[in-house]
């Protein structure tokens, strides 16, 4: 591990966002995703309640998404606990849908710790199977609330492997679908490789504009150890609305 300044990555991230917004232009199709999440883990002891909102702009095969996360009940005294921005480019290889995604995420897991993640994912889907693989770079920063004598104490992880493997009951374009996913990636959380989530999820396309979805997630720790331990769970319900 080595120290790194966040200023080394923010200019490049902001430039990418500006260029993508310019490419999308005024013809972009807007969309909105909202969800509520209730869960518990061994760190919190008590119930955790969160919500998040994502705004999406898409034009052709390119899209831009920005999200905000809020804690309503947790060990964190901050109500605003994270934001994210990502860009995605979709294409196909011999009829197989493929996408490349770049992202930047900043969260505040506790009152004294800030976490920044940035990286890229390559995803593909074939019939009922979907797979994503990528890498992220994490920076952990202890705030001066914890140690006033250290004004900017940061630890940088060189890289981590990101993965997601999903199986769906039906092809992608069906009115409703359900699936099971093994992954270490969530909207505002990227775990170490040995701490995956197991997700059971379902979605229902009401019409061309509205989609309802729900997720049940079981979190474990130490998957590579001889004994796998329980860490936590959450239940999530949400809606996606395409304005055009």
C-alpha atoms as a PDB file:
ATOM      1  CA  UNK A   1       0.000   0.000   0.000  1.00  0.00           C
ATOM      2  CA  UNK A   2       1.055   3.580  -0.591  1.00  0.00           C
ATOM      3  CA  UNK A   3      -0.350   7.031   0.035  1.00  0.00           C
ATOM      4  CA  UNK A   4      -2.016   8.922  -2.767  1.00  0.00           C
ATOM      5  CA  UNK A   5      -3.791  12.260  -3.080  1.00  0.00           C
ATOM      6  CA  UNK A   6      -7.365  12.311  -4.323  1.00  0.00           C
ATOM      7  CA  UNK A   7      -6.393  15.269  -6.501  1.00  0.00           C
ATOM      8  CA  UNK A   8      -4.480  12.838  -8.703  1.00  0.00           C
ATOM      9  CA  UNK A   9      -7.661  11.167  -9.924  1.00  0.00           C
ATOM     10  CA  UNK A  10     -10.410  13.800  -9.694  1.00  0.00           C
ATOM     11  CA  UNK A  11      -9.354  15.933 -12.725  1.00  0.00           C
ATOM     12  CA  UNK A  12      -9.422  12.897 -15.005  1.00  0.00           C
ATOM     13  CA  UNK A  13     -12.796  11.782 -13.673  1.00  0.00           C
ATOM     14  CA  UNK A  14     -14.327  15.246 -14.123  1.00  0.00           C
ATOM     15  CA  UNK A  15     -12.923  15.567 -17.654  1.00  0.00           C
ATOM     16  CA  UNK A  16     -14.465  12.212 -18.617  1.00  0.00           C
ATOM     17  CA  UNK A  17     -17.840  13.328 -17.280  1.00  0.00           C
ATOM     18  CA  UNK A  18     -17.734  16.620 -19.203  1.00  0.00           C
ATOM     19  CA  UNK A  19     -16.806  14.864 -22.460  1.00  0.00           C
ATOM     20  CA  UNK A  20     -19.565  12.281 -22.032  1.00  0.00           C
ATOM     21  CA  UNK A  21     -22.231  14.884 -21.277  1.00  0.00           C
ATOM     22  CA  UNK A  22     -21.159  16.764 -24.415  1.00  0.00           C
ATOM     23  CA  UNK A  23     -21.494  13.566 -26.457  1.00  0.00           C
ATOM     24  CA  UNK A  24     -24.950  12.761 -25.102  1.00  0.00           C
ATOM     25  CA  UNK A  25     -26.257  16.248 -25.832  1.00  0.00           C
ATOM     26  CA  UNK A  26     -29.886  17.311 -25.599  1.00  0.00           C
ATOM     27  CA  UNK A  27     -31.227  14.183 -27.367  1.00  0.00           C
ATOM     28  CA  UNK A  28     -30.400  11.931 -24.402  1.00  0.00           C
ATOM     29  CA  UNK A  29     -33.186   9.847 -22.850  1.00  0.00           C
ATOM     30  CA  UNK A  30     -33.459  10.522 -19.086  1.00  0.00           C
ATOM     31  CA  UNK A  31     -34.328   7.940 -16.461  1.00  0.00           C
ATOM     32  CA  UNK A  32     -34.685   7.739 -12.683  1.00  0.00           C
ATOM     33  CA  UNK A  33     -34.160   4.840 -10.264  1.00  0.00           C
ATOM     34  CA  UNK A  34     -35.241   4.967  -6.610  1.00  0.00           C
ATOM     35  CA  UNK A  35     -34.928   2.292  -3.941  1.00  0.00           C
ATOM     36  CA  UNK A  36     -35.237   1.682  -0.210  1.00  0.00           C
ATOM     37  CA  UNK A  37     -33.063  -0.799   1.655  1.00  0.00           C
ATOM     38  CA  UNK A  38     -33.471  -2.418   5.071  1.00  0.00           C
ATOM     39  CA  UNK A  39     -30.869  -4.688   6.605  1.00  0.00           C
ATOM     40  CA  UNK A  40     -28.570  -5.634   9.438  1.00  0.00           C
ATOM     41  CA  UNK A  41     -24.952  -6.759   9.886  1.00  0.00           C
ATOM     42  CA  UNK A  42     -22.614  -7.703  12.714  1.00  0.00           C
ATOM     43  CA  UNK A  43     -21.069  -4.222  12.720  1.00  0.00           C
ATOM     44  CA  UNK A  44     -24.352  -2.361  13.111  1.00  0.00           C
ATOM     45  CA  UNK A  45     -26.119  -4.782  15.512  1.00  0.00           C
ATOM     46  CA  UNK A  46     -29.353  -2.827  14.983  1.00  0.00           C
ATOM     47  CA  UNK A  47     -31.501  -2.313  11.903  1.00  0.00           C
ATOM     48  CA  UNK A  48     -30.099  -0.223   9.010  1.00  0.00           C
ATOM     49  CA  UNK A  49     -32.382   1.759   6.705  1.00  0.00           C
ATOM     50  CA  UNK A  50     -31.030   3.399   3.548  1.00  0.00           C
ATOM     51  CA  UNK A  51     -32.348   4.908   0.344  1.00  0.00           C
ATOM     52  CA  UNK A  52     -30.758   5.909  -2.934  1.00  0.00           C
ATOM     53  CA  UNK A  53     -31.579   7.772  -6.135  1.00  0.00           C
ATOM     54  CA  UNK A  54     -29.928   7.435  -9.558  1.00  0.00           C
ATOM     55  CA  UNK A  55     -30.369   9.712 -12.575  1.00  0.00           C
ATOM     56  CA  UNK A  56     -29.503   8.198 -15.938  1.00  0.00           C
ATOM     57  CA  UNK A  57     -28.956   9.837 -19.330  1.00  0.00           C
ATOM     58  CA  UNK A  58     -28.615   7.571 -22.360  1.00  0.00           C
ATOM     59  CA  UNK A  59     -28.177   8.216 -26.047  1.00  0.00           C
ATOM     60  CA  UNK A  60     -27.676   5.338 -28.440  1.00  0.00           C
ATOM     61  CA  UNK A  61     -25.110   2.988 -26.944  1.00  0.00           C
ATOM     62  CA  UNK A  62     -23.689   5.488 -24.436  1.00  0.00           C
ATOM     63  CA  UNK A  63     -25.048   6.339 -21.000  1.00  0.00           C
ATOM     64  CA  UNK A  64     -24.141   8.412 -17.954  1.00  0.00           C
ATOM     65  CA  UNK A  65     -25.461   7.739 -14.442  1.00  0.00           C
ATOM     66  CA  UNK A  66     -25.122   9.648 -11.165  1.00  0.00           C
ATOM     67  CA  UNK A  67     -26.374   8.431  -7.783  1.00  0.00           C
ATOM     68  CA  UNK A  68     -26.825   9.605  -4.188  1.00  0.00           C
ATOM     69  CA  UNK A  69     -27.149   7.485  -1.039  1.00  0.00           C
ATOM     70  CA  UNK A  70     -28.788   8.442   2.271  1.00  0.00           C
ATOM     71  CA  UNK A  71     -28.765   6.698   5.668  1.00  0.00           C
ATOM     72  CA  UNK A  72     -31.983   7.064   7.648  1.00  0.00           C
ATOM     73  CA  UNK A  73     -31.034   4.709  10.474  1.00  0.00           C
ATOM     74  CA  UNK A  74     -27.503   3.383  11.098  1.00  0.00           C
ATOM     75  CA  UNK A  75     -24.409   3.816  13.275  1.00  0.00           C
ATOM     76  CA  UNK A  76     -23.421   6.663  10.953  1.00  0.00           C
ATOM     77  CA  UNK A  77     -24.429  10.133  12.140  1.00  0.00           C
ATOM     78  CA  UNK A  78     -24.284  11.446   8.572  1.00  0.00           C
ATOM     79  CA  UNK A  79     -27.508  11.257   6.568  1.00  0.00           C
ATOM     80  CA  UNK A  80     -25.785  11.780   3.193  1.00  0.00           C
ATOM     81  CA  UNK A  81     -23.361   8.860   2.925  1.00  0.00           C
ATOM     82  CA  UNK A  82     -22.347   8.475  -0.693  1.00  0.00           C
ATOM     83  CA  UNK A  83     -22.403   9.513  -4.311  1.00  0.00           C
ATOM     84  CA  UNK A  84     -21.396   7.811  -7.533  1.00  0.00           C
ATOM     85  CA  UNK A  85     -20.969   8.601 -11.211  1.00  0.00           C
ATOM     86  CA  UNK A  86     -20.440   6.105 -14.005  1.00  0.00           C
ATOM     87  CA  UNK A  87     -20.279   5.922 -17.788  1.00  0.00           C
ATOM     88  CA  UNK A  88     -21.196   2.909 -19.907  1.00  0.00           C
ATOM     89  CA  UNK A  89     -20.613   2.056 -23.554  1.00  0.00           C
ATOM     90  CA  UNK A  90     -22.543  -0.895 -25.019  1.00  0.00           C
ATOM     91  CA  UNK A  91     -21.812  -2.919 -28.153  1.00  0.00           C
ATOM     92  CA  UNK A  92     -22.055  -6.514 -29.340  1.00  0.00           C
ATOM     93  CA  UNK A  93     -19.581  -9.217 -30.326  1.00  0.00           C
ATOM     94  CA  UNK A  94     -21.060 -11.844 -32.642  1.00  0.00           C
ATOM     95  CA  UNK A  95     -24.523 -11.083 -31.315  1.00  0.00           C
ATOM     96  CA  UNK A  96     -23.502 -11.155 -27.637  1.00  0.00           C
ATOM     97  CA  UNK A  97     -24.281  -7.917 -25.723  1.00  0.00           C
ATOM     98  CA  UNK A  98     -21.119  -6.456 -24.168  1.00  0.00           C
ATOM     99  CA  UNK A  99     -20.583  -3.267 -22.172  1.00  0.00           C
ATOM    100  CA  UNK A 100     -17.644  -1.361 -20.698  1.00  0.00           C
ATOM    101  CA  UNK A 101     -18.288   0.689 -17.571  1.00  0.00           C
ATOM    102  CA  UNK A 102     -16.080   3.248 -15.815  1.00  0.00           C
ATOM    103  CA  UNK A 103     -17.067   4.562 -12.394  1.00  0.00           C
ATOM    104  CA  UNK A 104     -16.172   6.792  -9.465  1.00  0.00           C
ATOM    105  CA  UNK A 105     -17.708   6.236  -5.995  1.00  0.00           C
ATOM    106  CA  UNK A 106     -17.202   8.156  -2.778  1.00  0.00           C
ATOM    107  CA  UNK A 107     -18.813   7.054   0.493  1.00  0.00           C
ATOM    108  CA  UNK A 108     -18.619   7.776   4.197  1.00  0.00           C
ATOM    109  CA  UNK A 109     -19.051   4.390   5.954  1.00  0.00           C
ATOM    110  CA  UNK A 110     -18.548   5.916   9.429  1.00  0.00           C
ATOM    111  CA  UNK A 111     -18.179   9.353  10.986  1.00  0.00           C
ATOM    112  CA  UNK A 112     -14.378   9.197  10.820  1.00  0.00           C
ATOM    113  CA  UNK A 113     -13.724   7.381   7.535  1.00  0.00           C
ATOM    114  CA  UNK A 114     -14.105   8.369   3.886  1.00  0.00           C
ATOM    115  CA  UNK A 115     -13.769   5.788   1.115  1.00  0.00           C
ATOM    116  CA  UNK A 116     -13.163   6.415  -2.588  1.00  0.00           C
ATOM    117  CA  UNK A 117     -13.351   3.769  -5.315  1.00  0.00           C
ATOM    118  CA  UNK A 118     -12.744   4.140  -9.018  1.00  0.00           C
ATOM    119  CA  UNK A 119     -12.240   1.556 -11.739  1.00  0.00           C
ATOM    120  CA  UNK A 120     -13.739  -0.241 -14.730  1.00  0.00           C
ATOM    121  CA  UNK A 121     -15.926  -3.268 -15.491  1.00  0.00           C
ATOM    122  CA  UNK A 122     -16.365  -5.429 -18.589  1.00  0.00           C
ATOM    123  CA  UNK A 123     -19.774  -7.127 -18.748  1.00  0.00           C
ATOM    124  CA  UNK A 124     -21.390  -9.575 -21.152  1.00  0.00           C
ATOM    125  CA  UNK A 125     -24.675 -11.439 -21.291  1.00  0.00           C
ATOM    126  CA  UNK A 126     -25.581 -14.591 -23.207  1.00  0.00           C
ATOM    127  CA  UNK A 127     -29.125 -15.916 -22.934  1.00  0.00           C
ATOM    128  CA  UNK A 128     -29.703 -16.457 -19.209  1.00  0.00           C
ATOM    129  CA  UNK A 129     -26.113 -15.915 -18.062  1.00  0.00           C
ATOM    130  CA  UNK A 130     -24.459 -12.604 -17.224  1.00  0.00           C
ATOM    131  CA  UNK A 131     -20.862 -12.001 -16.144  1.00  0.00           C
ATOM    132  CA  UNK A 132     -18.849  -8.933 -15.133  1.00  0.00           C
ATOM    133  CA  UNK A 133     -15.141  -8.688 -14.358  1.00  0.00           C
ATOM    134  CA  UNK A 134     -13.016  -5.666 -13.572  1.00  0.00           C
ATOM    135  CA  UNK A 135     -10.745  -3.900 -11.143  1.00  0.00           C
ATOM    136  CA  UNK A 136     -11.027  -0.996  -8.725  1.00  0.00           C
ATOM    137  CA  UNK A 137      -8.617   1.242  -6.836  1.00  0.00           C
ATOM    138  CA  UNK A 138      -9.596   2.138  -3.274  1.00  0.00           C
ATOM    139  CA  UNK A 139      -8.520   5.070  -1.103  1.00  0.00           C
ATOM    140  CA  UNK A 140      -9.349   5.135   2.623  1.00  0.00           C
ATOM    141  CA  UNK A 141      -9.057   8.519   4.339  1.00  0.00           C
ATOM    142  CA  UNK A 142      -9.292   9.055   8.098  1.00  0.00           C
ATOM    143  CA  UNK A 143     -10.890  12.409   8.874  1.00  0.00           C
ATOM    144  CA  UNK A 144      -9.444  14.891  11.343  1.00  0.00           C
ATOM    145  CA  UNK A 145     -12.363  14.109  13.683  1.00  0.00           C
ATOM    146  CA  UNK A 146     -10.543  10.910  14.596  1.00  0.00           C
ATOM    147  CA  UNK A 147      -6.993  12.265  14.727  1.00  0.00           C
ATOM    148  CA  UNK A 148      -6.864  16.080  14.638  1.00  0.00           C
ATOM    149  CA  UNK A 149      -3.082  15.994  14.372  1.00  0.00           C
ATOM    150  CA  UNK A 150      -3.332  14.182  11.005  1.00  0.00           C
ATOM    151  CA  UNK A 151      -5.039  16.532   8.581  1.00  0.00           C
ATOM    152  CA  UNK A 152      -4.935  14.237   5.539  1.00  0.00           C
ATOM    153  CA  UNK A 153      -4.134  10.605   6.337  1.00  0.00           C
ATOM    154  CA  UNK A 154      -4.803   8.296   3.371  1.00  0.00           C
ATOM    155  CA  UNK A 155      -4.150   4.677   2.463  1.00  0.00           C
ATOM    156  CA  UNK A 156      -4.336   3.548  -1.161  1.00  0.00           C
ATOM    157  CA  UNK A 157      -4.961  -0.063  -2.234  1.00  0.00           C
ATOM    158  CA  UNK A 158      -3.164  -0.690  -5.513  1.00  0.00           C
ATOM    159  CA  UNK A 159      -6.024  -2.737  -7.019  1.00  0.00           C
ATOM    160  CA  UNK A 160      -8.812  -5.190  -6.202  1.00  0.00           C
ATOM    161  CA  UNK A 161     -10.594  -7.688  -8.447  1.00  0.00           C
ATOM    162  CA  UNK A 162     -14.315  -7.111  -9.047  1.00  0.00           C
ATOM    163  CA  UNK A 163     -16.622  -9.872 -10.260  1.00  0.00           C
ATOM    164  CA  UNK A 164     -20.284 -10.749 -10.758  1.00  0.00           C
ATOM    165  CA  UNK A 165     -21.855 -14.007 -12.011  1.00  0.00           C
ATOM    166  CA  UNK A 166     -25.611 -14.180 -12.576  1.00  0.00           C
ATOM    167  CA  UNK A 167     -28.146 -16.722 -13.818  1.00  0.00           C
ATOM    168  CA  UNK A 168     -31.680 -15.678 -14.856  1.00  0.00           C
ATOM    169  CA  UNK A 169     -34.779 -17.823 -15.276  1.00  0.00           C
ATOM    170  CA  UNK A 170     -35.729 -16.083 -18.535  1.00  0.00           C
ATOM    171  CA  UNK A 171     -34.027 -14.155 -21.361  1.00  0.00           C
ATOM    172  CA  UNK A 172     -33.417 -10.449 -20.871  1.00  0.00           C
ATOM    173  CA  UNK A 173     -36.428  -9.050 -22.736  1.00  0.00           C
ATOM    174  CA  UNK A 174     -39.172 -10.883 -20.816  1.00  0.00           C
ATOM    175  CA  UNK A 175     -41.891  -8.969 -18.932  1.00  0.00           C
ATOM    176  CA  UNK A 176     -40.710 -10.397 -15.593  1.00  0.00           C
ATOM    177  CA  UNK A 177     -37.548 -12.190 -14.604  1.00  0.00           C
ATOM    178  CA  UNK A 178     -35.721 -13.557 -11.566  1.00  0.00           C
ATOM    179  CA  UNK A 179     -32.095 -14.443 -11.013  1.00  0.00           C
ATOM    180  CA  UNK A 180     -29.346 -15.409  -8.602  1.00  0.00           C
ATOM    181  CA  UNK A 181     -26.040 -13.522  -8.419  1.00  0.00           C
ATOM    182  CA  UNK A 182     -22.687 -14.114  -6.732  1.00  0.00           C
ATOM    183  CA  UNK A 183     -20.693 -10.856  -6.606  1.00  0.00           C
ATOM    184  CA  UNK A 184     -18.516  -8.547  -4.527  1.00  0.00           C
ATOM    185  CA  UNK A 185     -20.029  -5.409  -6.159  1.00  0.00           C
ATOM    186  CA  UNK A 186     -22.982  -3.344  -4.997  1.00  0.00           C
ATOM    187  CA  UNK A 187     -24.123   0.188  -5.853  1.00  0.00           C
ATOM    188  CA  UNK A 188     -22.023   1.954  -3.210  1.00  0.00           C
ATOM    189  CA  UNK A 189     -19.981  -0.957  -1.837  1.00  0.00           C
ATOM    190  CA  UNK A 190     -17.092  -2.943  -3.317  1.00  0.00           C
ATOM    191  CA  UNK A 191     -15.932  -5.774  -1.084  1.00  0.00           C
ATOM    192  CA  UNK A 192     -12.650  -7.624  -1.024  1.00  0.00           C
ATOM    193  CA  UNK A 193     -12.536 -10.638  -3.346  1.00  0.00           C
ATOM    194  CA  UNK A 194     -13.082 -13.090  -0.462  1.00  0.00           C
ATOM    195  CA  UNK A 195     -16.233 -11.354   0.846  1.00  0.00           C
ATOM    196  CA  UNK A 196     -18.951 -11.841  -1.787  1.00  0.00           C
ATOM    197  CA  UNK A 197     -22.691 -11.183  -1.688  1.00  0.00           C
ATOM    198  CA  UNK A 198     -25.329 -13.703  -2.719  1.00  0.00           C
ATOM    199  CA  UNK A 199     -28.341 -11.956  -4.263  1.00  0.00           C
ATOM    200  CA  UNK A 200     -31.774 -13.239  -5.178  1.00  0.00           C
ATOM    201  CA  UNK A 201     -33.478 -10.635  -7.370  1.00  0.00           C
ATOM    202  CA  UNK A 202     -36.585 -10.204  -9.467  1.00  0.00           C
ATOM    203  CA  UNK A 203     -37.969  -7.496 -11.761  1.00  0.00           C
ATOM    204  CA  UNK A 204     -41.285  -6.763 -13.417  1.00  0.00           C
ATOM    205  CA  UNK A 205     -41.583  -4.531 -16.487  1.00  0.00           C
ATOM    206  CA  UNK A 206     -44.966  -2.856 -16.009  1.00  0.00           C
ATOM    207  CA  UNK A 207     -44.675  -1.156 -19.401  1.00  0.00           C
ATOM    208  CA  UNK A 208     -41.975   0.462 -21.532  1.00  0.00           C
ATOM    209  CA  UNK A 209     -41.426   3.184 -18.916  1.00  0.00           C
ATOM    210  CA  UNK A 210     -41.763   1.556 -15.488  1.00  0.00           C
ATOM    211  CA  UNK A 211     -39.902  -1.380 -13.951  1.00  0.00           C
ATOM    212  CA  UNK A 212     -40.336  -2.650 -10.384  1.00  0.00           C
ATOM    213  CA  UNK A 213     -37.589  -4.727  -8.786  1.00  0.00           C
ATOM    214  CA  UNK A 214     -36.678  -6.377  -5.494  1.00  0.00           C
ATOM    215  CA  UNK A 215     -33.504  -7.917  -4.058  1.00  0.00           C
ATOM    216  CA  UNK A 216     -32.672 -10.111  -1.092  1.00  0.00           C
ATOM    217  CA  UNK A 217     -28.947 -10.159  -0.318  1.00  0.00           C
ATOM    218  CA  UNK A 218     -26.980 -12.416   2.049  1.00  0.00           C
ATOM    219  CA  UNK A 219     -23.479 -11.235   2.969  1.00  0.00           C
ATOM    220  CA  UNK A 220     -20.663 -13.514   4.081  1.00  0.00           C
ATOM    221  CA  UNK A 221     -17.041 -13.037   5.127  1.00  0.00           C
ATOM    222  CA  UNK A 222     -13.992 -15.208   4.610  1.00  0.00           C
ATOM    223  CA  UNK A 223     -15.147 -17.265   1.632  1.00  0.00           C
ATOM    224  CA  UNK A 224     -11.610 -18.578   1.134  1.00  0.00           C
ATOM    225  CA  UNK A 225     -11.299 -19.722   4.756  1.00  0.00           C
ATOM    226  CA  UNK A 226     -12.109 -23.183   6.067  1.00  0.00           C
ATOM    227  CA  UNK A 227     -15.146 -21.716   7.842  1.00  0.00           C
ATOM    228  CA  UNK A 228     -17.416 -19.182   6.113  1.00  0.00           C
ATOM    229  CA  UNK A 229     -18.981 -16.660   8.492  1.00  0.00           C
ATOM    230  CA  UNK A 230     -22.254 -14.751   8.338  1.00  0.00           C
ATOM    231  CA  UNK A 231     -21.861 -10.966   8.051  1.00  0.00           C
ATOM    232  CA  UNK A 232     -25.266  -9.486   7.238  1.00  0.00           C
ATOM    233  CA  UNK A 233     -28.258  -9.169   4.922  1.00  0.00           C
ATOM    234  CA  UNK A 234     -30.479  -6.575   3.288  1.00  0.00           C
ATOM    235  CA  UNK A 235     -33.834  -6.383   1.516  1.00  0.00           C
ATOM    236  CA  UNK A 236     -34.207  -3.804  -1.256  1.00  0.00           C
ATOM    237  CA  UNK A 237     -37.220  -2.642  -3.285  1.00  0.00           C
ATOM    238  CA  UNK A 238     -37.145  -0.059  -6.033  1.00  0.00           C
ATOM    239  CA  UNK A 239     -38.525   1.383  -9.241  1.00  0.00           C
ATOM    240  CA  UNK A 240     -36.954   2.526 -12.512  1.00  0.00           C
ATOM    241  CA  UNK A 241     -38.739   5.191 -14.565  1.00  0.00           C
ATOM    242  CA  UNK A 242     -37.795   6.113 -18.134  1.00  0.00           C
ATOM    243  CA  UNK A 243     -39.203   9.565 -18.889  1.00  0.00           C
ATOM    244  CA  UNK A 244     -39.370   9.264 -22.698  1.00  0.00           C
END
